[in-house]
Amino acid sequence: MFHNSSQRKHWTFNSEDELEQIRYKANQKFRKKTVESRKPVVSESVFLERHEEDVLLRHYEKRLLDFCNAFKPLMPKSVVGTAIMYFRRFYLNNSIMEYHPRIIMLTCAYLSCKVDEFNVSSSQFVGNLLQETPAGQERVLEQILEYELLLIQQLNFHLVVHNPYRPMEGLLIDLKTRYPTLENPESLRKGVDDFLTQATMTDAGLLFPPSQIALTAILNSASRAGLSMESYMTECLGLKDKETLSKTYDSMRRMKTLLKRYGLPKPDEVNACKQKLERIHAEFGTSSSNKRKRGYEEDGHVAKEARMTEEEWTDEDLL
């Protein structure tokens, strides 16, 4: 249950300001570590600012969603939601200047398939990188496997994610059985699905319980259809106390505001930030892949052909 879960105890936060402070610390931590380890002194201008990190995180998060939605066989929504939540949790305490989101996003999707028991083989998974050759897919898989333990560690081994999809289905069943005022609850499903997809791309999952996200999605869909659900809230859900009802509506307003503010970054903005990110990874060798390669060689596990670095494949390979 969510109330006893690691998600509630460790991954649910009080405000957007708290989340921003955590991300700012991760950005500053990387800057400090890099400056202290480099001579001559590195100029601060080479690093990504927080808003630039957000531009790239939104871009790669959308690429992750596109990859999951195009996946064959069809990937369940819960697996997609888990993958995106892994991605958000990982970059809460880590900077994209240290770990490139291109490989982390795929590792998140790969791990979510395992945890949510979506049975696809590793070869099936990388087979969805349609622009890659079989040899290229094999090298990408090698990278995913190298980063998998790092991802698990950075998630503090909290791998179970409570998504809003199950409580949403429960609420729809409840509407059908206990709220005859609403003739066809299924008519709300399209609007609910759209709301939940939008919510997945925001910090909603780090700020609100999944049941509250699901309820907000249903009430939002009903509102758009011109339907009032206040009697359902008070009579069926038992939210008769004015204070409790007021707090519930306040949380819903916060959530809707969060979704309204979300927007994909402009392509030229993404390209400028990408170039800066690639220079950082090239200059500082911030990705741990180089260390891992040396480790493999020292252990005598020398590959027959050179391993692929993140920079040797592009976003287009995800199509």
Protein backbone atom coordinates (compact mmCIF):
# COMPACT_ATOMS: atom_id res chain seq x y z
CA MET A 1 0.00 0.00 0.00
CA PHE A 2 1.12 3.53 -0.77
CA HIS A 3 0.80 4.79 2.83
CA ASN A 4 3.41 2.27 4.02
CA SER A 5 5.60 2.53 0.93
CA SER A 6 9.13 3.80 0.34
CA GLN A 7 7.55 6.18 -2.20
CA ARG A 8 5.59 7.96 0.51
CA LYS A 9 8.43 7.92 3.05
CA HIS A 10 11.36 8.83 0.79
CA TRP A 11 10.10 10.11 -2.57
CA THR A 12 7.12 12.35 -1.77
CA PHE A 13 8.05 15.97 -1.08
CA ASN A 14 6.30 18.99 0.36
CA SER A 15 6.72 21.57 -2.39
CA GLU A 16 8.24 22.45 -5.74
CA ASP A 17 10.68 24.71 -3.90
CA GLU A 18 12.01 21.72 -1.97
CA LEU A 19 12.53 19.78 -5.21
CA GLU A 20 14.32 22.74 -6.79
CA GLN A 21 16.65 23.06 -3.82
CA ILE A 22 17.61 19.38 -4.11
CA ARG A 23 18.28 19.72 -7.84
CA TYR A 24 20.26 22.92 -7.29
CA LYS A 25 22.47 21.10 -4.77
CA ALA A 26 23.15 18.35 -7.32
CA ASN A 27 24.13 20.97 -9.91
CA GLN A 28 26.43 22.76 -7.44
CA LYS A 29 27.93 19.49 -6.22
CA PHE A 30 29.04 18.60 -9.73
CA ARG A 31 30.44 22.08 -10.34
CA LYS A 32 32.41 22.04 -7.11
CA LYS A 33 33.80 18.55 -7.70
CA THR A 34 34.87 19.42 -11.24
CA VAL A 35 36.45 22.77 -10.33
CA GLU A 36 38.40 21.28 -7.43
CA SER A 37 39.76 18.44 -9.55
CA ARG A 38 40.87 20.62 -12.49
CA LYS A 39 43.90 22.81 -13.06
CA PRO A 40 43.90 25.44 -14.43
CA VAL A 41 40.67 26.66 -12.88
CA VAL A 42 37.56 25.90 -14.92
CA SER A 43 35.33 28.83 -15.84
CA GLU A 44 31.84 28.66 -14.35
CA SER A 45 30.42 29.63 -17.74
CA VAL A 46 31.11 26.17 -19.18
CA PHE A 47 28.61 24.51 -16.86
CA LEU A 48 24.89 24.15 -17.40
CA GLU A 49 22.66 26.43 -15.36
CA ARG A 50 19.69 24.88 -13.58
CA HIS A 51 17.18 26.12 -16.14
CA GLU A 52 19.36 24.64 -18.92
CA GLU A 53 19.35 21.28 -17.16
CA ASP A 54 15.55 21.48 -17.01
CA VAL A 55 15.40 22.14 -20.75
CA LEU A 56 17.33 18.95 -21.48
CA LEU A 57 15.53 16.89 -18.86
CA ARG A 58 12.15 17.79 -20.38
CA HIS A 59 13.52 16.98 -23.83
CA TYR A 60 14.90 13.56 -22.88
CA GLU A 61 11.89 12.74 -20.75
CA LYS A 62 9.70 13.28 -23.81
CA ARG A 63 12.06 11.08 -25.85
CA LEU A 64 11.70 8.41 -23.17
CA LEU A 65 7.90 8.67 -23.37
CA ASP A 66 8.03 8.44 -27.18
CA PHE A 67 10.32 5.40 -27.01
CA CYS A 68 8.00 3.65 -24.55
CA ASN A 69 4.83 4.49 -26.52
CA ALA A 70 6.35 3.16 -29.75
CA PHE A 71 7.69 0.02 -28.05
CA LYS A 72 6.84 -3.38 -29.52
CA PRO A 73 5.21 -5.32 -27.93
CA LEU A 74 2.92 -2.70 -26.44
CA MET A 75 4.32 -1.45 -23.14
CA PRO A 76 1.75 -1.21 -20.30
CA LYS A 77 1.10 2.27 -18.92
CA SER A 78 2.33 1.25 -15.48
CA VAL A 79 5.72 0.31 -16.96
CA VAL A 80 5.93 3.64 -18.79
CA GLY A 81 4.99 5.52 -15.60
CA THR A 82 7.60 3.62 -13.60
CA ALA A 83 10.33 4.34 -16.17
CA ILE A 84 9.62 8.08 -16.13
CA MET A 85 9.49 8.14 -12.33
CA TYR A 86 12.89 6.40 -12.19
CA PHE A 87 14.22 9.07 -14.56
CA ARG A 88 12.89 11.90 -12.37
CA ARG A 89 14.15 10.33 -9.16
CA PHE A 90 17.62 9.70 -10.59
CA TYR A 91 18.07 13.31 -11.70
CA LEU A 92 16.75 14.66 -8.43
CA ASN A 93 20.12 13.95 -6.79
CA ASN A 94 22.34 13.73 -9.88
CA SER A 95 23.26 16.26 -12.54
CA ILE A 96 22.94 15.49 -16.24
CA MET A 97 26.46 16.94 -16.51
CA GLU A 98 27.68 13.83 -14.69
CA TYR A 99 25.46 11.17 -16.24
CA HIS A 100 24.21 11.62 -19.78
CA PRO A 101 20.40 11.32 -19.95
CA ARG A 102 20.54 9.51 -23.30
CA ILE A 103 21.74 6.27 -21.69
CA ILE A 104 20.06 6.79 -18.31
CA MET A 105 16.62 7.08 -19.95
CA LEU A 106 17.03 3.71 -21.68
CA THR A 107 18.32 2.12 -18.50
CA CYS A 108 15.23 3.43 -16.68
CA ALA A 109 12.95 1.86 -19.29
CA TYR A 110 14.88 -1.44 -19.20
CA LEU A 111 14.75 -1.65 -15.40
CA SER A 112 11.05 -0.76 -15.27
CA CYS A 113 10.28 -3.68 -17.60
CA LYS A 114 11.95 -6.02 -15.12
CA VAL A 115 10.43 -4.57 -11.96
CA ASP A 116 6.87 -4.41 -13.38
CA GLU A 117 7.30 -7.91 -14.84
CA PHE A 118 6.81 -6.86 -18.45
CA ASN A 119 8.39 -9.91 -20.03
CA VAL A 120 10.69 -8.81 -22.85
CA SER A 121 14.16 -10.14 -23.51
CA SER A 122 17.19 -7.86 -23.64
CA SER A 123 17.46 -8.42 -27.38
CA GLN A 124 13.79 -7.50 -27.84
CA PHE A 125 14.35 -4.34 -25.82
CA VAL A 126 17.26 -2.97 -27.86
CA GLY A 127 15.56 -4.22 -31.02
CA ASN A 128 13.28 -1.20 -30.55
CA LEU A 129 16.23 1.06 -31.39
CA LEU A 130 15.14 0.88 -34.99
CA GLN A 131 17.87 3.08 -36.47
CA GLU A 132 20.64 0.99 -34.95
CA THR A 133 22.40 -1.95 -36.58
CA PRO A 134 22.35 -5.28 -34.69
CA ALA A 135 25.96 -4.66 -33.63
CA GLY A 136 25.03 -1.17 -32.47
CA GLN A 137 22.05 -2.51 -30.51
CA GLU A 138 24.36 -4.98 -28.79
CA ARG A 139 26.72 -2.21 -27.73
CA VAL A 140 23.85 -0.10 -26.41
CA LEU A 141 22.66 -3.10 -24.39
CA GLU A 142 26.14 -3.42 -22.95
CA GLN A 143 25.95 0.18 -21.77
CA ILE A 144 22.49 -0.31 -20.28
CA LEU A 145 23.74 -3.29 -18.28
CA GLU A 146 26.74 -1.27 -17.10
CA TYR A 147 24.50 1.51 -15.80
CA GLU A 148 21.75 -0.67 -14.35
CA LEU A 149 23.36 -1.16 -10.93
CA LEU A 150 24.23 2.53 -10.71
CA LEU A 151 20.58 3.40 -11.37
CA ILE A 152 19.38 0.96 -8.71
CA GLN A 153 21.84 2.39 -6.20
CA GLN A 154 20.84 5.98 -6.93
CA LEU A 155 17.20 5.01 -6.43
CA ASN A 156 18.25 3.72 -2.99
CA PHE A 157 16.92 0.30 -4.04
CA HIS A 158 13.37 1.69 -3.85
CA LEU A 159 12.13 0.11 -7.06
CA VAL A 160 8.38 -0.24 -6.48
CA VAL A 161 6.52 2.75 -7.93
CA HIS A 162 2.86 3.39 -7.14
CA ASN A 163 1.34 4.84 -10.30
CA PRO A 164 -2.10 6.51 -10.49
CA TYR A 165 -3.45 4.01 -13.05
CA ARG A 166 -4.68 1.41 -10.58
CA PRO A 167 -6.52 3.91 -8.32
CA MET A 168 -7.96 5.47 -11.47
CA GLU A 169 -9.48 2.14 -12.50
CA GLY A 170 -10.78 1.68 -8.96
CA LEU A 171 -12.47 5.08 -9.03
CA LEU A 172 -14.09 4.36 -12.39
CA ILE A 173 -15.49 1.09 -11.00
CA ASP A 174 -16.73 2.98 -7.93
CA LEU A 175 -18.47 5.53 -10.15
CA LYS A 176 -20.22 2.76 -12.06
CA THR A 177 -21.41 0.95 -8.95
CA ARG A 178 -22.13 3.72 -6.42
CA TYR A 179 -22.79 6.89 -8.41
CA PRO A 180 -25.74 6.35 -10.78
CA THR A 181 -25.98 10.12 -11.29
CA LEU A 182 -23.16 9.73 -13.82
CA GLU A 183 -24.68 7.66 -16.65
CA ASN A 184 -21.49 6.69 -18.49
CA PRO A 185 -18.26 6.92 -16.45
CA GLU A 186 -16.30 5.40 -19.36
CA SER A 187 -16.91 8.61 -21.31
CA LEU A 188 -14.40 10.25 -18.95
CA ARG A 189 -11.58 7.80 -19.75
CA LYS A 190 -10.04 9.70 -22.68
CA GLY A 191 -9.76 12.92 -20.69
CA VAL A 192 -8.45 11.01 -17.67
CA ASP A 193 -5.76 9.27 -19.73
CA ASP A 194 -4.65 12.58 -21.24
CA PHE A 195 -4.44 14.17 -17.79
CA LEU A 196 -2.40 11.28 -16.37
CA THR A 197 0.01 11.38 -19.31
CA GLN A 198 0.54 15.10 -18.71
CA ALA A 199 0.96 14.54 -14.99
CA THR A 200 3.63 11.92 -15.66
CA MET A 201 5.73 14.59 -17.38
CA THR A 202 5.67 16.86 -14.32
CA ASP A 203 6.69 16.60 -10.67
CA ALA A 204 3.15 15.54 -9.70
CA GLY A 205 4.36 12.03 -8.80
CA LEU A 206 6.93 13.52 -6.43
CA LEU A 207 4.41 15.80 -4.71
CA PHE A 208 1.04 14.03 -4.55
CA PRO A 209 -0.26 10.53 -3.69
CA PRO A 210 -1.26 8.47 -6.76
CA SER A 211 -4.89 8.26 -5.58
CA GLN A 212 -5.08 12.06 -5.46
CA ILE A 213 -3.63 12.32 -8.96
CA ALA A 214 -6.21 9.80 -10.21
CA LEU A 215 -9.11 11.62 -8.51
CA THR A 216 -7.97 14.96 -9.92
CA ALA A 217 -7.79 13.41 -13.40
CA ILE A 218 -11.38 12.15 -13.14
CA LEU A 219 -12.78 15.43 -11.77
CA ASN A 220 -10.87 17.40 -14.42
CA SER A 221 -12.27 15.20 -17.19
CA ALA A 222 -15.77 15.57 -15.76
CA SER A 223 -15.40 19.33 -15.50
CA ARG A 224 -14.35 19.56 -19.14
CA ALA A 225 -17.46 17.57 -20.05
CA GLY A 226 -19.61 20.02 -18.07
CA LEU A 227 -20.37 17.53 -15.29
CA SER A 228 -20.42 18.33 -11.57
CA MET A 229 -18.94 15.68 -9.27
CA GLU A 230 -19.22 17.49 -5.93
CA SER A 231 -21.94 15.16 -4.67
CA TYR A 232 -19.65 12.18 -5.44
CA MET A 233 -16.92 13.77 -3.33
CA THR A 234 -19.20 14.35 -0.35
CA GLU A 235 -21.57 11.37 -0.50
CA CYS A 236 -19.48 8.54 -1.92
CA LEU A 237 -15.97 9.51 -0.81
CA GLY A 238 -17.14 10.86 2.52
CA LEU A 239 -15.40 14.22 2.21
CA LYS A 240 -18.10 16.08 4.13
CA ASP A 241 -15.82 17.97 6.46
CA LYS A 242 -15.29 21.44 5.02
CA GLU A 243 -11.63 21.61 6.03
CA THR A 244 -10.79 18.23 4.47
CA LEU A 245 -12.69 19.10 1.32
CA SER A 246 -10.95 22.48 1.12
CA LYS A 247 -7.50 20.86 1.45
CA THR A 248 -8.37 18.32 -1.23
CA TYR A 249 -9.48 21.00 -3.67
CA ASP A 250 -6.38 23.07 -2.85
CA SER A 251 -4.11 20.14 -3.73
CA MET A 252 -6.04 19.64 -6.96
CA ARG A 253 -5.58 23.30 -7.89
CA ARG A 254 -1.84 23.01 -7.23
CA MET A 255 -1.68 19.96 -9.44
CA LYS A 256 -3.58 21.59 -12.28
CA THR A 257 -1.33 24.64 -12.07
CA LEU A 258 1.68 22.34 -12.31
CA LEU A 259 0.31 20.81 -15.50
CA LYS A 260 -0.64 24.15 -17.03
CA ARG A 261 2.90 25.47 -16.55
CA TYR A 262 4.46 22.48 -18.29
CA GLY A 263 5.66 22.93 -21.83
CA LEU A 264 8.18 21.33 -24.14
CA PRO A 265 11.29 23.43 -24.76
CA LYS A 266 11.87 25.04 -28.15
CA PRO A 267 14.13 23.12 -30.56
CA ASP A 268 16.75 25.87 -30.80
CA GLU A 269 16.88 26.03 -27.00
CA VAL A 270 17.35 22.26 -26.83
CA ASN A 271 20.10 22.30 -29.47
CA ALA A 272 22.05 25.03 -27.69
CA CYS A 273 21.89 23.19 -24.38
CA LYS A 274 22.76 19.88 -26.05
CA GLN A 275 25.92 21.35 -27.54
CA LYS A 276 26.93 22.65 -24.14
CA LEU A 277 26.22 19.27 -22.53
CA GLU A 278 28.24 17.37 -25.13
CA ARG A 279 31.20 19.72 -24.60
CA ILE A 280 31.02 19.10 -20.85
CA HIS A 281 31.04 15.33 -21.28
CA ALA A 282 33.81 15.49 -23.87
CA GLU A 283 36.03 17.86 -21.88
CA PHE A 284 35.57 16.49 -18.38
CA GLY A 285 34.92 12.86 -19.18
CA THR A 286 32.18 12.99 -16.60
CA SER A 287 30.48 9.79 -17.66
CA SER A 288 31.57 6.77 -15.66
CA SER A 289 31.70 4.68 -18.84
CA ASN A 290 35.39 5.42 -19.37
CA LYS A 291 36.22 4.17 -15.88
CA ARG A 292 34.10 1.10 -16.49
CA LYS A 293 35.92 0.35 -19.73
CA ARG A 294 39.30 0.55 -18.01
CA GLY A 295 37.95 -1.69 -15.28
CA TYR A 296 36.90 -4.31 -17.81
CA GLU A 297 40.35 -4.22 -19.41
CA GLU A 298 42.10 -4.50 -16.07
CA ASP A 299 39.99 -7.52 -15.20
CA GLY A 300 40.99 -9.15 -18.45
CA HIS A 301 37.52 -8.86 -20.00
CA VAL A 302 38.70 -7.09 -23.15
CA ALA A 303 35.98 -6.72 -25.76
CA LYS A 304 36.72 -7.82 -29.31
CA GLU A 305 35.56 -4.46 -30.60
CA ALA A 306 35.50 -1.00 -29.05
CA ARG A 307 32.57 -0.21 -26.84
CA MET A 308 30.21 2.51 -27.91
CA THR A 309 30.34 5.74 -25.97
CA GLU A 310 27.25 7.88 -25.44
CA GLU A 311 28.44 10.34 -28.07
CA GLU A 312 28.65 7.67 -30.80
CA TRP A 313 24.89 7.32 -31.05
CA THR A 314 22.26 10.01 -31.18
CA ASP A 315 18.65 10.70 -30.31
CA GLU A 316 17.66 9.61 -33.82
CA ASP A 317 18.66 6.05 -32.90
CA LEU A 318 15.69 5.98 -30.52
CA LEU A 319 13.14 6.28 -33.32
